[in-house]
Amino acid sequence: MEKLKKIWQNKNRKIENLIVFLIILVITLVIINTIIKEEPKKENKHYTNAELASTSSTQTEDTNIESRLETILSQMDGIGEVRVLVTYSQSSSIIPLYNETSSKSVTEETDTSGGTRTIEAQDNEKSVVTGSDSNPVTEKTIHPKMEGAIVTAQGANNTTVKANIIAAVEAVTGLATHKIQVFEMKNK
């Protein structure tokens, strides 16, 4: 009977030790998993031109020329309220600055029968340079080409005023005069 109790206690102790070991193992795995997830990962983001264009201020620059033209034209003699619309052939695009690394290795092998073989390997890597705020650094911005302009203005029915409006818009945008249309604004 005494031996049976010792054997039973040893089995219970082994099971208890096994359970404690499994609990410690699970806790260790959970801790290791949280430590690995918390490490900051260095990302090498690849941006498309569309993503870059959406983060830029080129769209506000495009509408800015319209509002600046409206302000200047409304201050000219004989012109009242003015609205300007400029059309573009394409959207703005941004060319990001890239880090480019390339390496080339040439291996020449000679076999026992005297033949030689040359192996060339080339590796190129290109990644977008980001600034301290994680936004891409731009190399250059390509502004869209202006295609035409429509101006509605009070007082545009006067030919001299209309000619002055066309000359002003031409000077600012560089558009040809046949691409600038001026109309009388209706009275409210």
Protein backbone atom coordinates (compact mmCIF):
# COMPACT_ATOMS: atom_id res chain seq x y z
CA MET A 1 0.00 0.00 0.00
CA GLU A 2 2.80 2.32 0.89
CA LYS A 3 4.48 1.69 -2.47
CA LEU A 4 1.25 2.33 -4.29
CA LYS A 5 0.91 5.75 -2.61
CA LYS A 6 4.49 6.69 -3.60
CA ILE A 7 3.91 5.64 -7.21
CA TRP A 8 0.64 7.58 -7.28
CA GLN A 9 2.29 10.68 -5.80
CA ASN A 10 5.15 10.46 -8.33
CA LYS A 11 2.66 10.27 -11.21
CA ASN A 12 0.70 13.23 -9.83
CA ARG A 13 3.90 15.20 -9.39
CA LYS A 14 4.97 14.44 -12.96
CA ILE A 15 1.60 15.60 -14.26
CA GLU A 16 1.79 18.75 -12.13
CA ASN A 17 5.32 19.44 -13.40
CA LEU A 18 4.18 18.88 -16.98
CA ILE A 19 1.24 21.30 -16.55
CA VAL A 20 3.49 23.95 -14.96
CA PHE A 21 5.99 23.50 -17.79
CA LEU A 22 3.25 23.92 -20.43
CA ILE A 23 1.92 27.07 -18.71
CA ILE A 24 5.41 28.60 -18.59
CA LEU A 25 5.94 27.67 -22.25
CA VAL A 26 2.67 29.35 -23.32
CA ILE A 27 3.48 32.52 -21.34
CA THR A 28 6.97 32.65 -22.87
CA LEU A 29 5.58 32.29 -26.39
CA VAL A 30 3.05 35.08 -25.78
CA ILE A 31 5.78 37.41 -24.46
CA ILE A 32 8.10 36.67 -27.38
CA ASN A 33 5.26 37.24 -29.85
CA THR A 34 4.41 40.68 -28.35
CA ILE A 35 8.08 41.70 -28.35
CA ILE A 36 8.45 40.80 -32.02
CA LYS A 37 5.28 42.72 -32.97
CA GLU A 38 6.42 45.84 -31.08
CA GLU A 39 9.73 46.12 -32.97
CA PRO A 40 9.51 48.95 -35.48
CA LYS A 41 9.58 47.57 -38.97
CA LYS A 42 11.43 49.49 -41.62
CA GLU A 43 9.16 49.81 -44.60
CA ASN A 44 10.37 50.36 -48.08
CA LYS A 45 7.28 51.95 -49.59
CA HIS A 46 6.82 52.01 -53.32
CA TYR A 47 4.56 54.85 -54.39
CA THR A 48 2.76 55.11 -57.65
CA ASN A 49 2.61 58.43 -59.44
CA ALA A 50 -1.13 58.58 -58.74
CA GLU A 51 -0.52 58.27 -54.99
CA LEU A 52 2.15 60.92 -55.14
CA ALA A 53 -0.05 63.29 -57.09
CA SER A 54 -2.84 62.94 -54.54
CA THR A 55 -0.51 64.07 -51.75
CA SER A 56 0.74 67.13 -53.55
CA SER A 57 -0.54 70.64 -53.65
CA THR A 58 -0.55 70.90 -57.43
CA GLN A 59 -4.31 70.76 -57.59
CA THR A 60 -4.56 73.84 -55.39
CA GLU A 61 -1.99 75.54 -57.62
CA ASP A 62 -4.23 74.84 -60.62
CA THR A 63 -7.28 76.43 -58.98
CA ASN A 64 -5.09 79.18 -57.57
CA ILE A 65 -4.40 80.55 -61.06
CA GLU A 66 -8.15 80.80 -61.65
CA SER A 67 -8.78 82.70 -58.43
CA ARG A 68 -5.79 84.98 -59.02
CA LEU A 69 -7.03 85.75 -62.53
CA GLU A 70 -10.50 86.49 -61.14
CA THR A 71 -9.01 88.91 -58.59
CA ILE A 72 -6.87 90.76 -61.13
CA LEU A 73 -9.54 90.92 -63.83
CA SER A 74 -12.18 92.23 -61.44
CA GLN A 75 -9.89 95.16 -60.59
CA MET A 76 -9.56 96.23 -64.24
CA ASP A 77 -11.50 99.23 -65.54
CA GLY A 78 -14.94 98.38 -66.93
CA ILE A 79 -15.08 94.88 -65.44
CA GLY A 80 -17.39 93.91 -62.59
CA GLU A 81 -17.76 90.37 -61.26
CA VAL A 82 -15.60 87.73 -62.98
CA ARG A 83 -15.51 83.92 -63.15
CA VAL A 84 -12.61 82.02 -64.76
CA LEU A 85 -12.38 78.38 -65.80
CA VAL A 86 -9.10 76.94 -67.11
CA THR A 87 -9.07 73.48 -68.69
CA TYR A 88 -6.08 71.15 -68.74
CA SER A 89 -5.06 68.32 -71.03
CA GLN A 90 -3.80 66.07 -68.25
CA SER A 91 -3.47 66.01 -64.50
CA SER A 92 -0.38 67.02 -62.57
CA SER A 93 2.25 64.40 -61.94
CA ILE A 94 5.11 64.24 -59.51
CA ILE A 95 8.43 62.57 -60.19
CA PRO A 96 9.72 61.23 -56.85
CA LEU A 97 13.37 61.08 -55.89
CA TYR A 98 14.67 57.50 -55.97
CA ASN A 99 17.56 55.72 -54.31
CA GLU A 100 19.01 53.45 -56.93
CA THR A 101 21.54 50.77 -56.21
CA SER A 102 22.94 48.41 -58.75
CA SER A 103 25.56 45.75 -58.64
CA LYS A 104 27.13 43.63 -61.32
CA SER A 105 29.19 40.50 -60.91
CA VAL A 106 31.09 38.58 -63.56
CA THR A 107 32.21 35.03 -62.90
CA GLU A 108 34.52 33.13 -65.22
CA GLU A 109 34.64 29.36 -64.86
CA THR A 110 37.04 26.94 -66.48
CA ASP A 111 36.23 23.24 -66.66
CA THR A 112 38.70 20.35 -66.75
CA SER A 113 38.54 19.99 -70.54
CA GLY A 114 39.75 23.56 -71.04
CA GLY A 115 36.43 25.26 -71.84
CA THR A 116 35.57 28.59 -70.23
CA ARG A 117 32.22 29.97 -69.34
CA THR A 118 31.41 33.55 -68.29
CA ILE A 119 28.41 34.26 -66.07
CA GLU A 120 27.17 37.81 -65.58
CA ALA A 121 24.69 38.76 -62.87
CA GLN A 122 23.19 42.22 -62.47
CA ASP A 123 21.02 43.41 -59.55
CA ASN A 124 19.13 46.71 -59.56
CA GLU A 125 17.08 48.12 -56.70
CA LYS A 126 15.01 51.29 -56.77
CA SER A 127 13.17 52.78 -53.79
CA VAL A 128 11.43 56.10 -53.15
CA VAL A 129 13.23 58.53 -50.83
CA THR A 130 10.99 59.68 -47.99
CA GLY A 131 11.46 62.71 -45.79
CA SER A 132 11.26 62.91 -42.02
CA ASP A 133 7.46 63.13 -42.21
CA SER A 134 7.28 59.88 -44.26
CA ASN A 135 6.16 61.78 -47.36
CA PRO A 136 8.08 61.13 -50.55
CA VAL A 137 10.74 63.64 -51.57
CA THR A 138 9.95 64.96 -55.04
CA GLU A 139 12.54 65.45 -57.74
CA LYS A 140 10.25 67.57 -59.90
CA THR A 141 6.59 68.32 -60.49
CA ILE A 142 5.16 68.27 -63.98
CA HIS A 143 2.32 70.74 -64.24
CA PRO A 144 -0.48 70.02 -66.67
CA LYS A 145 -0.66 71.74 -70.03
CA MET A 146 -3.37 74.37 -70.25
CA GLU A 147 -5.74 73.79 -73.14
CA GLY A 148 -8.20 76.67 -72.88
CA ALA A 149 -9.90 79.27 -70.74
CA ILE A 150 -13.44 80.56 -70.37
CA VAL A 151 -14.05 83.91 -68.73
CA THR A 152 -17.47 85.30 -67.83
CA ALA A 153 -17.40 88.92 -66.75
CA GLN A 154 -19.74 91.83 -66.23
CA GLY A 155 -18.88 94.42 -68.87
CA ALA A 156 -17.51 91.88 -71.38
CA ASN A 157 -19.97 93.07 -74.04
CA ASN A 158 -17.66 96.08 -74.60
CA THR A 159 -15.08 95.11 -77.26
CA THR A 160 -12.24 97.02 -75.56
CA VAL A 161 -12.92 95.32 -72.22
CA LYS A 162 -13.14 91.94 -73.98
CA ALA A 163 -9.80 92.54 -75.72
CA ASN A 164 -8.20 93.54 -72.39
CA ILE A 165 -9.50 90.37 -70.73
CA ILE A 166 -8.14 88.20 -73.55
CA ALA A 167 -4.76 89.97 -73.39
CA ALA A 168 -4.54 89.53 -69.61
CA VAL A 169 -5.45 85.83 -69.70
CA GLU A 170 -3.02 85.27 -72.57
CA ALA A 171 -0.22 86.93 -70.62
CA VAL A 172 -0.79 84.83 -67.51
CA THR A 173 -1.51 81.44 -69.08
CA GLY A 174 0.44 81.57 -72.33
CA LEU A 175 -2.64 80.36 -74.23
CA ALA A 176 -3.25 81.46 -77.81
CA THR A 177 -6.05 84.01 -78.20
CA HIS A 178 -8.28 81.54 -80.06
CA LYS A 179 -8.23 79.29 -76.96
CA ILE A 180 -9.58 82.04 -74.70
CA GLN A 181 -13.32 82.65 -74.79
CA VAL A 182 -14.87 85.67 -73.05
CA PHE A 183 -18.60 86.02 -72.43
CA GLU A 184 -20.85 88.60 -70.80
CA MET A 185 -22.02 87.51 -67.34
CA LYS A 186 -25.76 87.59 -66.95
CA ASN A 187 -27.18 90.03 -64.43
CA LYS A 188 -28.49 88.56 -61.22
